[in-house]
């Protein structure tokens, strides 16, 4: 708990007591002052809490960045291995089945024709 959280809690508690005293003696001024202190105390506590969370994030950021970098490197390596395995499998499939060449040529021909023709509306 940092200083802002502590002061905010104290101010909120003081405002709660002041409002209760204002209720007891039927003083509108004390009631209003108590509510104002409660609101300002809650706001200061929220600021202190946000500051504490931000400090925790900044302290942990280098470790998180290193872990993310390592994971990305691992995933990239796995993807590279999968592509190598997949391309070898594709090459073997194409060599063993000439129909795949025919289908690939047809798809490429359609794509080139579509690009050349363009969008004629």
C-alpha atoms as a PDB file:
ATOM      1  CA  UNK A   1       0.000   0.000   0.000  1.00  0.00           C
ATOM      2  CA  UNK A   2       1.522   3.300  -1.063  1.00  0.00           C
ATOM      3  CA  UNK A   3       1.126   6.751   0.467  1.00  0.00           C
ATOM      4  CA  UNK A   4      -1.783   7.788  -1.767  1.00  0.00           C
ATOM      5  CA  UNK A   5      -3.757   4.659  -0.951  1.00  0.00           C
ATOM      6  CA  UNK A   6      -3.191   5.195   2.770  1.00  0.00           C
ATOM      7  CA  UNK A   7      -4.126   8.894   2.716  1.00  0.00           C
ATOM      8  CA  UNK A   8      -7.166   8.153   0.567  1.00  0.00           C
ATOM      9  CA  UNK A   9      -8.387   5.497   3.007  1.00  0.00           C
ATOM     10  CA  UNK A  10      -7.847   7.856   5.964  1.00  0.00           C
ATOM     11  CA  UNK A  11      -9.676  10.716   4.235  1.00  0.00           C
ATOM     12  CA  UNK A  12     -12.544   8.409   3.253  1.00  0.00           C
ATOM     13  CA  UNK A  13     -12.868   7.115   6.829  1.00  0.00           C
ATOM     14  CA  UNK A  14     -12.734  10.682   8.199  1.00  0.00           C
ATOM     15  CA  UNK A  15     -15.465  11.715   5.771  1.00  0.00           C
ATOM     16  CA  UNK A  16     -17.589   8.752   6.829  1.00  0.00           C
ATOM     17  CA  UNK A  17     -17.257   9.764  10.479  1.00  0.00           C
ATOM     18  CA  UNK A  18     -17.976  13.424   9.689  1.00  0.00           C
ATOM     19  CA  UNK A  19     -21.106  12.495   7.718  1.00  0.00           C
ATOM     20  CA  UNK A  20     -22.326  10.260  10.538  1.00  0.00           C
ATOM     21  CA  UNK A  21     -21.759  13.108  13.001  1.00  0.00           C
ATOM     22  CA  UNK A  22     -23.642  15.463  10.673  1.00  0.00           C
ATOM     23  CA  UNK A  23     -26.500  12.964  10.531  1.00  0.00           C
ATOM     24  CA  UNK A  24     -26.523  12.733  14.328  1.00  0.00           C
ATOM     25  CA  UNK A  25     -26.686  16.483  14.930  1.00  0.00           C
ATOM     26  CA  UNK A  26     -28.673  17.222  11.773  1.00  0.00           C
ATOM     27  CA  UNK A  27     -25.991  19.487  10.280  1.00  0.00           C
ATOM     28  CA  UNK A  28     -26.185  19.721   6.511  1.00  0.00           C
ATOM     29  CA  UNK A  29     -22.763  21.362   6.337  1.00  0.00           C
ATOM     30  CA  UNK A  30     -21.096  18.436   8.148  1.00  0.00           C
ATOM     31  CA  UNK A  31     -22.989  15.947   6.010  1.00  0.00           C
ATOM     32  CA  UNK A  32     -21.871  17.629   2.776  1.00  0.00           C
ATOM     33  CA  UNK A  33     -18.284  18.018   3.998  1.00  0.00           C
ATOM     34  CA  UNK A  34     -18.272  14.352   5.003  1.00  0.00           C
ATOM     35  CA  UNK A  35     -19.486  13.201   1.601  1.00  0.00           C
ATOM     36  CA  UNK A  36     -16.947  15.458  -0.150  1.00  0.00           C
ATOM     37  CA  UNK A  37     -14.151  13.938   1.954  1.00  0.00           C
ATOM     38  CA  UNK A  38     -15.410  10.450   1.181  1.00  0.00           C
ATOM     39  CA  UNK A  39     -15.388  11.131  -2.549  1.00  0.00           C
ATOM     40  CA  UNK A  40     -11.954  12.776  -2.514  1.00  0.00           C
ATOM     41  CA  UNK A  41     -10.593   9.971  -0.323  1.00  0.00           C
ATOM     42  CA  UNK A  42     -11.943   7.328  -2.672  1.00  0.00           C
ATOM     43  CA  UNK A  43     -10.441   9.175  -5.645  1.00  0.00           C
ATOM     44  CA  UNK A  44      -7.026   9.440  -3.983  1.00  0.00           C
ATOM     45  CA  UNK A  45      -7.170   5.766  -3.024  1.00  0.00           C
ATOM     46  CA  UNK A  46      -8.023   4.833  -6.629  1.00  0.00           C
ATOM     47  CA  UNK A  47      -5.123   6.960  -7.879  1.00  0.00           C
ATOM     48  CA  UNK A  48      -2.772   5.270  -5.419  1.00  0.00           C
ATOM     49  CA  UNK A  49      -4.013   1.836  -6.459  1.00  0.00           C
ATOM     50  CA  UNK A  50      -3.569   2.650 -10.160  1.00  0.00           C
ATOM     51  CA  UNK A  51      -0.072   3.933  -9.437  1.00  0.00           C
ATOM     52  CA  UNK A  52       0.793   0.734  -7.560  1.00  0.00           C
ATOM     53  CA  UNK A  53      -0.482  -1.404 -10.440  1.00  0.00           C
ATOM     54  CA  UNK A  54       1.483   0.676 -12.970  1.00  0.00           C
ATOM     55  CA  UNK A  55       4.663   0.303 -10.900  1.00  0.00           C
ATOM     56  CA  UNK A  56       4.130  -3.460 -10.713  1.00  0.00           C
ATOM     57  CA  UNK A  57       3.670  -3.627 -14.481  1.00  0.00           C
ATOM     58  CA  UNK A  58       6.809  -1.572 -15.114  1.00  0.00           C
ATOM     59  CA  UNK A  59       8.819  -3.790 -12.777  1.00  0.00           C
ATOM     60  CA  UNK A  60       7.581  -6.937 -14.513  1.00  0.00           C
ATOM     61  CA  UNK A  61       7.745  -5.610 -18.078  1.00  0.00           C
ATOM     62  CA  UNK A  62      11.336  -6.654 -18.897  1.00  0.00           C
ATOM     63  CA  UNK A  63      10.700 -10.200 -17.723  1.00  0.00           C
ATOM     64  CA  UNK A  64       7.448 -10.377 -19.688  1.00  0.00           C
ATOM     65  CA  UNK A  65       9.134  -9.010 -22.803  1.00  0.00           C
ATOM     66  CA  UNK A  66      11.915 -11.588 -22.526  1.00  0.00           C
ATOM     67  CA  UNK A  67       9.407 -14.405 -22.069  1.00  0.00           C
ATOM     68  CA  UNK A  68       7.345 -13.192 -25.041  1.00  0.00           C
ATOM     69  CA  UNK A  69      10.494 -12.963 -27.179  1.00  0.00           C
ATOM     70  CA  UNK A  70      11.458 -16.529 -26.254  1.00  0.00           C
ATOM     71  CA  UNK A  71       7.966 -17.836 -27.013  1.00  0.00           C
ATOM     72  CA  UNK A  72       7.878 -16.062 -30.382  1.00  0.00           C
ATOM     73  CA  UNK A  73      11.267 -17.515 -31.237  1.00  0.00           C
ATOM     74  CA  UNK A  74      10.017 -21.001 -30.337  1.00  0.00           C
ATOM     75  CA  UNK A  75       6.839 -20.585 -32.376  1.00  0.00           C
ATOM     76  CA  UNK A  76       8.813 -19.265 -35.355  1.00  0.00           C
ATOM     77  CA  UNK A  77      11.075 -22.299 -35.175  1.00  0.00           C
ATOM     78  CA  UNK A  78       8.090 -24.629 -35.017  1.00  0.00           C
ATOM     79  CA  UNK A  79       6.462 -22.877 -37.984  1.00  0.00           C
ATOM     80  CA  UNK A  80       9.683 -23.123 -39.981  1.00  0.00           C
ATOM     81  CA  UNK A  81       9.911 -26.846 -39.231  1.00  0.00           C
ATOM     82  CA  UNK A  82       6.264 -27.324 -40.226  1.00  0.00           C
ATOM     83  CA  UNK A  83       6.809 -25.474 -43.506  1.00  0.00           C
ATOM     84  CA  UNK A  84       9.859 -27.589 -44.268  1.00  0.00           C
ATOM     85  CA  UNK A  85       7.938 -30.779 -43.531  1.00  0.00           C
ATOM     86  CA  UNK A  86       4.931 -29.530 -45.512  1.00  0.00           C
ATOM     87  CA  UNK A  87       6.958 -28.484 -48.540  1.00  0.00           C
ATOM     88  CA  UNK A  88       8.738 -31.814 -48.604  1.00  0.00           C
ATOM     89  CA  UNK A  89       5.380 -33.587 -48.414  1.00  0.00           C
ATOM     90  CA  UNK A  90       3.945 -31.362 -51.151  1.00  0.00           C
ATOM     91  CA  UNK A  91       6.946 -31.970 -53.397  1.00  0.00           C
ATOM     92  CA  UNK A  92       6.644 -35.715 -52.901  1.00  0.00           C
ATOM     93  CA  UNK A  93       2.897 -35.573 -53.619  1.00  0.00           C
ATOM     94  CA  UNK A  94       3.374 -33.567 -56.814  1.00  0.00           C
ATOM     95  CA  UNK A  95       6.050 -35.919 -58.076  1.00  0.00           C
ATOM     96  CA  UNK A  96       3.877 -38.958 -57.423  1.00  0.00           C
ATOM     97  CA  UNK A  97       0.614 -37.514 -58.831  1.00  0.00           C
ATOM     98  CA  UNK A  98       0.710 -35.439 -62.036  1.00  0.00           C
ATOM     99  CA  UNK A  99      -2.961 -34.512 -61.588  1.00  0.00           C
ATOM    100  CA  UNK A 100      -1.886 -32.101 -58.835  1.00  0.00           C
ATOM    101  CA  UNK A 101       0.257 -30.286 -61.419  1.00  0.00           C
ATOM    102  CA  UNK A 102      -2.735 -29.965 -63.693  1.00  0.00           C
ATOM    103  CA  UNK A 103      -4.950 -28.563 -60.933  1.00  0.00           C
ATOM    104  CA  UNK A 104      -2.218 -26.141 -59.813  1.00  0.00           C
ATOM    105  CA  UNK A 105      -1.704 -24.946 -63.388  1.00  0.00           C
ATOM    106  CA  UNK A 106      -5.449 -24.414 -63.791  1.00  0.00           C
ATOM    107  CA  UNK A 107      -5.689 -22.397 -60.571  1.00  0.00           C
ATOM    108  CA  UNK A 108      -2.693 -20.285 -61.570  1.00  0.00           C
ATOM    109  CA  UNK A 109      -4.173 -19.752 -65.036  1.00  0.00           C
ATOM    110  CA  UNK A 110      -7.482 -18.587 -63.548  1.00  0.00           C
ATOM    111  CA  UNK A 111      -5.671 -16.237 -61.168  1.00  0.00           C
ATOM    112  CA  UNK A 112      -3.614 -14.708 -63.988  1.00  0.00           C
ATOM    113  CA  UNK A 113      -6.706 -14.347 -66.166  1.00  0.00           C
ATOM    114  CA  UNK A 114      -8.603 -12.661 -63.356  1.00  0.00           C
ATOM    115  CA  UNK A 115      -5.723 -10.246 -62.751  1.00  0.00           C
ATOM    116  CA  UNK A 116      -5.384  -9.401 -66.445  1.00  0.00           C
ATOM    117  CA  UNK A 117      -9.106  -9.002 -67.036  1.00  0.00           C
ATOM    118  CA  UNK A 118      -9.631  -6.788 -63.992  1.00  0.00           C
ATOM    119  CA  UNK A 119     -12.977  -5.723 -62.646  1.00  0.00           C
ATOM    120  CA  UNK A 120     -15.273  -4.829 -65.562  1.00  0.00           C
ATOM    121  CA  UNK A 121     -18.635  -3.795 -64.253  1.00  0.00           C
END
